[in-house]
Each structure stands twice: as structure tokens, then as C-alpha cells.
């Protein structure tokens, strides 16, 4: 999957990631309750996800199966954000968070240290 997922598509994917395979009808019902979407809107979004290679339609009952993991989508989104706003520089990204005077909780600092050590 090379294309970016839009917010509406991520709403569908969140259900599939959390609960596993679901029928299109079950997704439509959940998203109607959650967002107010009608059935056609949900089916249109599912179709777009199928076209992008993020979801596979299985039978019986138009069962939707996620073909991409949440981690893969997160990584792709993070890479896009890094490239778009910070010229691909992780240090610019971190300095933008740390440069506004906010203190990081000690556990976040420890987590960042661990990440940096693993990258060395």
C-alpha cells in the first residue's frame, strides 16, 4: 500500500485493527452509531480502501480484512510528516517539541533515551 489513508479511511481501519475481520454491514452499523455515516458512505470508504490495497474483501458476507497493520500506517504517516514539515530531519522534529518550553515527563525522557541507544 503506497497511498496515504485519509481520516475517514482510518475510522474504518481502526475497527478492523481493534476487532479483526468484520462484515461491511457490521462496519456500517458501527460507523452509523459512531459518526452518523449512512451505509453508502461506509461502503464507499471500504471500496476506496480495497482499491488502495489496505483492505481485502472476502466471502461470505463481504467480510473485510485489513491487509496493512496499524504500525505500518503509523510509520508511513510519521515518515510523511517528517519529510513534509521537517525536511526529513528527526532532530528538527524533536527540537520543535522540546523548544516550546514544555517539560517532558521522566518516563518519556527514558523512552527517548532507550530509542536513541538502540539506534546507535
N, C-alpha and C. Protein backbone atom coordinates (compact mmCIF):
# COMPACT_ATOMS: atom_id res chain seq x y z
N UNK A 1 0.84 -1.17 0.00
CA UNK A 1 0.00 0.00 0.00
C UNK A 1 0.89 1.24 0.00
N UNK A 2 0.79 2.01 -1.05
CA UNK A 2 1.65 3.19 -1.20
C UNK A 2 0.93 4.49 -0.88
N UNK A 3 -0.40 4.47 -0.95
CA UNK A 3 -1.15 5.71 -0.82
C UNK A 3 -1.47 6.02 0.64
N UNK A 4 -1.59 7.30 0.91
CA UNK A 4 -1.95 7.79 2.23
C UNK A 4 -3.39 7.41 2.54
N UNK A 5 -3.66 7.12 3.81
CA UNK A 5 -5.03 6.87 4.25
C UNK A 5 -5.59 8.16 4.84
N UNK A 6 -6.79 8.50 4.44
CA UNK A 6 -7.45 9.70 4.93
C UNK A 6 -8.19 9.40 6.23
N UNK A 7 -8.60 10.43 6.94
CA UNK A 7 -9.25 10.28 8.24
C UNK A 7 -10.45 9.33 8.18
N UNK A 8 -11.27 9.45 7.16
CA UNK A 8 -12.44 8.58 7.05
C UNK A 8 -12.01 7.13 6.89
N UNK A 9 -10.96 6.90 6.14
CA UNK A 9 -10.45 5.54 5.93
C UNK A 9 -9.86 4.98 7.22
N UNK A 10 -9.21 5.85 7.98
CA UNK A 10 -8.64 5.41 9.26
C UNK A 10 -9.73 5.02 10.24
N UNK A 11 -10.89 5.63 10.17
CA UNK A 11 -12.01 5.25 11.05
C UNK A 11 -12.41 3.79 10.80
N UNK A 12 -12.48 3.41 9.53
CA UNK A 12 -12.79 2.01 9.20
C UNK A 12 -11.66 1.11 9.66
N UNK A 13 -10.42 1.50 9.38
CA UNK A 13 -9.27 0.66 9.73
C UNK A 13 -9.17 0.45 11.24
N UNK A 14 -9.48 1.46 12.02
CA UNK A 14 -9.41 1.32 13.48
C UNK A 14 -10.28 0.18 13.96
N UNK A 15 -11.46 0.03 13.38
CA UNK A 15 -12.34 -1.07 13.76
C UNK A 15 -11.73 -2.42 13.37
N UNK A 16 -11.16 -2.49 12.19
CA UNK A 16 -10.57 -3.74 11.73
C UNK A 16 -9.33 -4.09 12.54
N UNK A 17 -8.52 -3.10 12.88
CA UNK A 17 -7.33 -3.36 13.69
C UNK A 17 -7.72 -3.82 15.09
N UNK A 18 -8.71 -3.19 15.64
CA UNK A 18 -9.10 -3.50 17.02
C UNK A 18 -9.84 -4.83 17.13
N UNK A 19 -10.77 -5.07 16.18
CA UNK A 19 -11.68 -6.20 16.32
C UNK A 19 -11.44 -7.33 15.33
N UNK A 20 -10.53 -7.16 14.39
CA UNK A 20 -10.30 -8.17 13.38
C UNK A 20 -11.31 -8.07 12.25
N UNK A 21 -11.43 -9.12 11.47
CA UNK A 21 -12.30 -9.11 10.29
C UNK A 21 -13.76 -8.82 10.68
N UNK A 22 -14.38 -7.94 9.90
CA UNK A 22 -15.79 -7.58 10.11
C UNK A 22 -16.48 -7.52 8.76
N UNK A 23 -17.77 -7.81 8.75
CA UNK A 23 -18.52 -7.65 7.51
C UNK A 23 -18.74 -6.17 7.23
N UNK A 24 -18.97 -5.86 5.98
CA UNK A 24 -19.25 -4.47 5.62
C UNK A 24 -20.50 -3.97 6.36
N UNK A 25 -21.48 -4.86 6.51
CA UNK A 25 -22.70 -4.48 7.24
C UNK A 25 -22.42 -4.13 8.68
N UNK A 26 -21.56 -4.92 9.34
CA UNK A 26 -21.21 -4.64 10.74
C UNK A 26 -20.45 -3.32 10.85
N UNK A 27 -19.55 -3.08 9.90
CA UNK A 27 -18.82 -1.81 9.89
C UNK A 27 -19.79 -0.64 9.70
N UNK A 28 -20.73 -0.81 8.77
CA UNK A 28 -21.70 0.26 8.50
C UNK A 28 -22.52 0.57 9.75
N UNK A 29 -22.93 -0.45 10.45
CA UNK A 29 -23.71 -0.25 11.67
C UNK A 29 -22.90 0.49 12.74
N UNK A 30 -21.67 0.04 12.95
CA UNK A 30 -20.82 0.68 13.95
C UNK A 30 -20.54 2.15 13.60
N UNK A 31 -20.23 2.40 12.33
CA UNK A 31 -19.89 3.77 11.93
C UNK A 31 -21.12 4.67 11.90
N UNK A 32 -22.29 4.10 11.67
CA UNK A 32 -23.52 4.90 11.76
C UNK A 32 -23.72 5.38 13.19
N UNK A 33 -23.48 4.49 14.15
CA UNK A 33 -23.62 4.86 15.56
C UNK A 33 -22.53 5.83 16.01
N UNK A 34 -21.33 5.60 15.53
CA UNK A 34 -20.17 6.37 15.97
C UNK A 34 -20.07 7.74 15.29
N UNK A 35 -20.35 7.79 13.99
CA UNK A 35 -20.10 9.02 13.23
C UNK A 35 -21.34 9.59 12.54
N UNK A 36 -22.41 8.78 12.48
CA UNK A 36 -23.60 9.23 11.77
C UNK A 36 -23.56 8.94 10.27
N UNK A 37 -22.57 8.19 9.82
CA UNK A 37 -22.49 7.85 8.40
C UNK A 37 -23.67 6.97 8.01
N UNK A 38 -24.12 7.12 6.76
CA UNK A 38 -25.10 6.17 6.25
C UNK A 38 -24.35 4.99 5.63
N UNK A 39 -25.09 3.94 5.32
CA UNK A 39 -24.49 2.70 4.80
C UNK A 39 -23.67 2.97 3.54
N UNK A 40 -24.19 3.80 2.63
CA UNK A 40 -23.49 4.08 1.37
C UNK A 40 -22.13 4.74 1.61
N UNK A 41 -22.07 5.63 2.59
CA UNK A 41 -20.80 6.30 2.91
C UNK A 41 -19.77 5.27 3.35
N UNK A 42 -20.17 4.38 4.25
CA UNK A 42 -19.24 3.35 4.73
C UNK A 42 -18.79 2.46 3.59
N UNK A 43 -19.71 2.04 2.73
CA UNK A 43 -19.35 1.17 1.62
C UNK A 43 -18.41 1.88 0.64
N UNK A 44 -18.61 3.17 0.44
CA UNK A 44 -17.72 3.94 -0.43
C UNK A 44 -16.30 3.97 0.15
N UNK A 45 -16.20 4.19 1.45
CA UNK A 45 -14.89 4.23 2.10
C UNK A 45 -14.22 2.86 2.04
N UNK A 46 -14.99 1.80 2.26
CA UNK A 46 -14.44 0.45 2.16
C UNK A 46 -13.92 0.21 0.75
N UNK A 47 -14.67 0.62 -0.25
CA UNK A 47 -14.26 0.45 -1.66
C UNK A 47 -12.93 1.16 -1.91
N UNK A 48 -12.77 2.36 -1.38
CA UNK A 48 -11.52 3.10 -1.54
C UNK A 48 -10.36 2.36 -0.87
N UNK A 49 -10.62 1.78 0.30
CA UNK A 49 -9.58 1.02 0.99
C UNK A 49 -9.19 -0.23 0.21
N UNK A 50 -10.17 -0.87 -0.42
CA UNK A 50 -9.88 -2.04 -1.25
C UNK A 50 -9.03 -1.62 -2.45
N UNK A 51 -9.42 -0.50 -3.09
CA UNK A 51 -8.67 -0.01 -4.25
C UNK A 51 -7.22 0.35 -3.89
N UNK A 52 -7.00 0.80 -2.66
CA UNK A 52 -5.65 1.17 -2.21
C UNK A 52 -4.84 -0.03 -1.74
N UNK A 53 -5.48 -1.18 -1.62
CA UNK A 53 -4.78 -2.36 -1.16
C UNK A 53 -4.64 -2.44 0.34
N UNK A 54 -5.45 -1.68 1.07
CA UNK A 54 -5.39 -1.69 2.53
C UNK A 54 -6.36 -2.71 3.12
N UNK A 55 -7.40 -3.04 2.36
CA UNK A 55 -8.43 -3.98 2.82
C UNK A 55 -8.71 -4.97 1.70
N UNK A 56 -9.00 -6.18 2.11
CA UNK A 56 -9.38 -7.23 1.17
C UNK A 56 -10.82 -7.65 1.47
N UNK A 57 -11.59 -7.83 0.41
CA UNK A 57 -12.96 -8.32 0.55
C UNK A 57 -12.95 -9.84 0.45
N UNK A 58 -13.55 -10.48 1.44
CA UNK A 58 -13.63 -11.94 1.45
C UNK A 58 -15.10 -12.34 1.52
N UNK A 59 -15.37 -13.50 0.98
CA UNK A 59 -16.71 -14.06 1.08
C UNK A 59 -16.69 -15.16 2.13
N UNK A 60 -17.80 -15.43 2.77
CA UNK A 60 -19.13 -14.90 2.51
C UNK A 60 -19.37 -13.57 3.22
N UNK A 61 -20.44 -12.96 2.83
CA UNK A 61 -20.98 -11.78 3.53
C UNK A 61 -20.12 -10.53 3.45
N UNK A 62 -19.30 -10.37 2.39
CA UNK A 62 -18.49 -9.16 2.23
C UNK A 62 -17.68 -8.91 3.50
N UNK A 63 -16.88 -9.90 3.87
CA UNK A 63 -16.04 -9.80 5.05
C UNK A 63 -14.82 -8.94 4.72
N UNK A 64 -14.56 -7.94 5.54
CA UNK A 64 -13.44 -7.02 5.33
C UNK A 64 -12.26 -7.45 6.20
N UNK A 65 -11.10 -7.56 5.57
CA UNK A 65 -9.87 -7.99 6.24
C UNK A 65 -8.78 -6.95 5.99
N UNK A 66 -8.17 -6.45 7.06
CA UNK A 66 -7.08 -5.47 6.93
C UNK A 66 -5.84 -6.13 6.35
N UNK A 67 -5.28 -5.53 5.32
CA UNK A 67 -4.05 -6.04 4.70
C UNK A 67 -2.82 -5.28 5.18
N UNK A 68 -3.02 -4.18 5.88
CA UNK A 68 -1.90 -3.40 6.42
C UNK A 68 -2.08 -3.27 7.93
N UNK A 69 -0.97 -3.27 8.63
CA UNK A 69 -1.03 -3.16 10.09
C UNK A 69 -1.09 -1.69 10.50
N UNK A 70 -1.56 -1.49 11.70
CA UNK A 70 -1.62 -0.14 12.26
C UNK A 70 -0.20 0.44 12.36
N UNK A 71 0.76 -0.41 12.72
CA UNK A 71 2.15 0.05 12.85
C UNK A 71 2.70 0.51 11.51
N UNK A 72 2.38 -0.21 10.44
CA UNK A 72 2.86 0.18 9.11
C UNK A 72 2.27 1.52 8.69
N UNK A 73 1.00 1.73 8.99
CA UNK A 73 0.35 3.00 8.64
C UNK A 73 0.95 4.13 9.48
N UNK A 74 1.16 3.88 10.76
CA UNK A 74 1.78 4.89 11.63
C UNK A 74 3.15 5.29 11.10
N UNK A 75 3.93 4.28 10.74
CA UNK A 75 5.29 4.54 10.24
C UNK A 75 5.24 5.38 8.97
N UNK A 76 4.35 5.02 8.06
CA UNK A 76 4.23 5.76 6.80
C UNK A 76 3.78 7.21 7.05
N UNK A 77 2.81 7.39 7.94
CA UNK A 77 2.33 8.73 8.27
C UNK A 77 3.45 9.56 8.93
N UNK A 78 4.19 8.93 9.84
CA UNK A 78 5.28 9.64 10.52
C UNK A 78 6.36 10.05 9.53
N UNK A 79 6.69 9.14 8.60
CA UNK A 79 7.70 9.47 7.59
C UNK A 79 7.23 10.63 6.72
N UNK A 80 5.96 10.62 6.35
CA UNK A 80 5.41 11.70 5.54
C UNK A 80 5.44 13.03 6.27
N UNK A 81 5.07 13.01 7.55
CA UNK A 81 5.10 14.23 8.36
C UNK A 81 6.53 14.74 8.51
N UNK A 82 7.44 13.83 8.78
CA UNK A 82 8.85 14.20 8.94
C UNK A 82 9.37 14.85 7.67
N UNK A 83 9.05 14.25 6.53
CA UNK A 83 9.52 14.79 5.24
C UNK A 83 8.86 16.12 4.93
N UNK A 84 7.55 16.20 5.13
CA UNK A 84 6.77 17.39 4.75
C UNK A 84 7.10 18.61 5.60
N UNK A 85 7.22 18.42 6.90
CA UNK A 85 7.37 19.57 7.79
C UNK A 85 8.78 19.80 8.33
N UNK A 86 9.63 18.75 8.28
CA UNK A 86 10.93 18.87 8.91
C UNK A 86 12.08 18.46 7.99
N UNK A 87 11.84 18.50 6.69
CA UNK A 87 12.87 18.17 5.71
C UNK A 87 13.55 16.83 6.00
N UNK A 88 12.79 15.88 6.55
CA UNK A 88 13.32 14.56 6.83
C UNK A 88 14.23 14.48 8.04
N UNK A 89 14.28 15.53 8.84
CA UNK A 89 15.21 15.59 9.97
C UNK A 89 14.52 15.27 11.30
N UNK A 90 14.83 14.11 11.89
CA UNK A 90 14.25 13.79 13.21
C UNK A 90 14.65 14.80 14.29
N UNK A 91 15.86 15.34 14.20
CA UNK A 91 16.28 16.29 15.23
C UNK A 91 15.47 17.58 15.17
N UNK A 92 15.08 18.01 13.95
CA UNK A 92 14.21 19.19 13.85
C UNK A 92 12.84 18.90 14.44
N UNK A 93 12.34 17.71 14.22
CA UNK A 93 11.05 17.30 14.80
C UNK A 93 11.11 17.35 16.31
N UNK A 94 12.13 16.72 16.89
CA UNK A 94 12.24 16.71 18.35
C UNK A 94 12.45 18.11 18.91
N UNK A 95 13.26 18.90 18.25
CA UNK A 95 13.50 20.25 18.78
C UNK A 95 12.24 21.10 18.70
N UNK A 96 11.36 20.83 17.75
CA UNK A 96 10.11 21.59 17.70
C UNK A 96 9.23 21.25 18.90
N UNK A 97 9.27 20.02 19.37
CA UNK A 97 8.50 19.64 20.54
C UNK A 97 9.14 20.17 21.82
N UNK A 98 10.45 20.12 21.86
CA UNK A 98 11.16 20.49 23.09
C UNK A 98 11.44 21.98 23.18
N UNK A 99 11.40 22.67 22.06
CA UNK A 99 11.75 24.08 22.04
C UNK A 99 10.69 25.01 22.58
N UNK A 100 9.50 24.49 22.87
CA UNK A 100 8.44 25.39 23.34
C UNK A 100 8.37 25.49 24.85
N UNK A 101 9.37 24.95 25.53
CA UNK A 101 9.44 25.10 26.99
C UNK A 101 8.66 24.06 27.78
N UNK A 102 7.99 23.14 27.10
CA UNK A 102 7.25 22.11 27.82
C UNK A 102 8.24 21.10 28.40
N UNK A 103 7.98 20.71 29.63
CA UNK A 103 8.81 19.69 30.25
C UNK A 103 8.26 18.32 29.90
N UNK A 104 9.16 17.41 29.56
CA UNK A 104 8.74 16.05 29.29
C UNK A 104 8.72 15.27 30.60
N UNK A 105 7.74 14.39 30.75
CA UNK A 105 7.74 13.53 31.95
C UNK A 105 8.97 12.62 31.94
N UNK A 106 9.47 12.27 33.08
CA UNK A 106 10.69 11.43 33.16
C UNK A 106 10.57 10.13 32.36
N UNK A 107 9.39 9.51 32.35
CA UNK A 107 9.26 8.24 31.62
C UNK A 107 9.38 8.45 30.11
N UNK A 108 8.97 9.61 29.60
CA UNK A 108 9.14 9.92 28.18
C UNK A 108 10.61 10.15 27.86
N UNK A 109 11.30 10.82 28.75
CA UNK A 109 12.74 11.05 28.55
C UNK A 109 13.48 9.71 28.53
N UNK A 110 13.11 8.82 29.45
CA UNK A 110 13.74 7.49 29.48
C UNK A 110 13.44 6.72 28.19
N UNK A 111 12.22 6.80 27.70
CA UNK A 111 11.85 6.11 26.47
C UNK A 111 12.65 6.64 25.28
N UNK A 112 12.81 7.97 25.22
CA UNK A 112 13.60 8.56 24.14
C UNK A 112 15.06 8.13 24.22
N UNK A 113 15.61 8.09 25.44
CA UNK A 113 16.99 7.62 25.61
C UNK A 113 17.16 6.20 25.11
N UNK A 114 16.19 5.34 25.45
CA UNK A 114 16.26 3.94 25.02
C UNK A 114 16.22 3.84 23.50
N UNK A 115 15.36 4.63 22.87
CA UNK A 115 15.28 4.63 21.41
C UNK A 115 16.60 5.07 20.79
N UNK A 116 17.18 6.10 21.33
CA UNK A 116 18.45 6.62 20.78
C UNK A 116 19.56 5.59 20.97
N UNK A 117 19.59 4.94 22.11
CA UNK A 117 20.62 3.92 22.36
C UNK A 117 20.48 2.75 21.38
N UNK A 118 19.26 2.35 21.08
CA UNK A 118 19.04 1.25 20.13
C UNK A 118 19.47 1.62 18.72
N UNK A 119 19.40 2.92 18.41
CA UNK A 119 19.76 3.38 17.07
C UNK A 119 21.27 3.52 16.88
N UNK A 120 22.02 3.60 17.95
CA UNK A 120 23.47 3.78 17.86
C UNK A 120 24.15 2.57 17.28
